């Protein structure tokens, strides 16, 4: 981990991303935040990528406090450049201070770094030493969560099951490989070609697993609501 140059990697990738998508339209702020790849046919404020302004020293300390765990150096370096982001199919967490702030200029905000790192949003099967970085969505039902391990690897783990789809040796390598793969999912007009799957690695059965779980939860929810309505009706008598 100590040999990673995350700041250099993300600067190079941000330059490549803007080189690809700025021509579709972009927003930027004096603080360094930007959104690129405007897709007005999808929604008025839809962009393929959003990067939030980097954090200062105190901001990085606050990010560690917000996550309630040790902030690994590779991700600390990333947050110093960009406080999280939405990079095509990748969502990376950032610090929000527990509030709901908005970046100036309509850039938006990251998902809180608390997500995946505090006990009530963290599955029991996730090892204690894993630091939650973000997520990647499948076509509809499936989602993978990204974790930085205590050994410096990045793992993509199913959000509901103890299944590791793939892993990268370092955070920098994850960024290089996956941003490149995400770029290949789109044509020059920012439309998905369907030739590259949304989730990398061994994820072919994740949609089926996700649908099965979704259907089961809907059924359980329906049964619960029926029971509650019946109980409410009984109490009124």
Foldseek 3Di string as FASTA:
>chain_A
DVPDDLLVLVVVLVVVLCVQFCVCPKWADPLGWMFTNDDVVVPNLDGQKTFARADDPVQLVLLCVQLVHDDDPSVSSVSRHTQWMRHRQWGWHGDDSPDQDADPPRRGHGHRQNACRDDVNHDPPDDNQWRWTTKGDFPPQWIWTWTQGPQAKIWTATSPDRDTFDIDNHPSRCCVVVSVLSVVQADSSRDGPPPRGRDDGDCPCRNVVRVVVVVVVVVVVVVVVVVVVVVVVVVVD
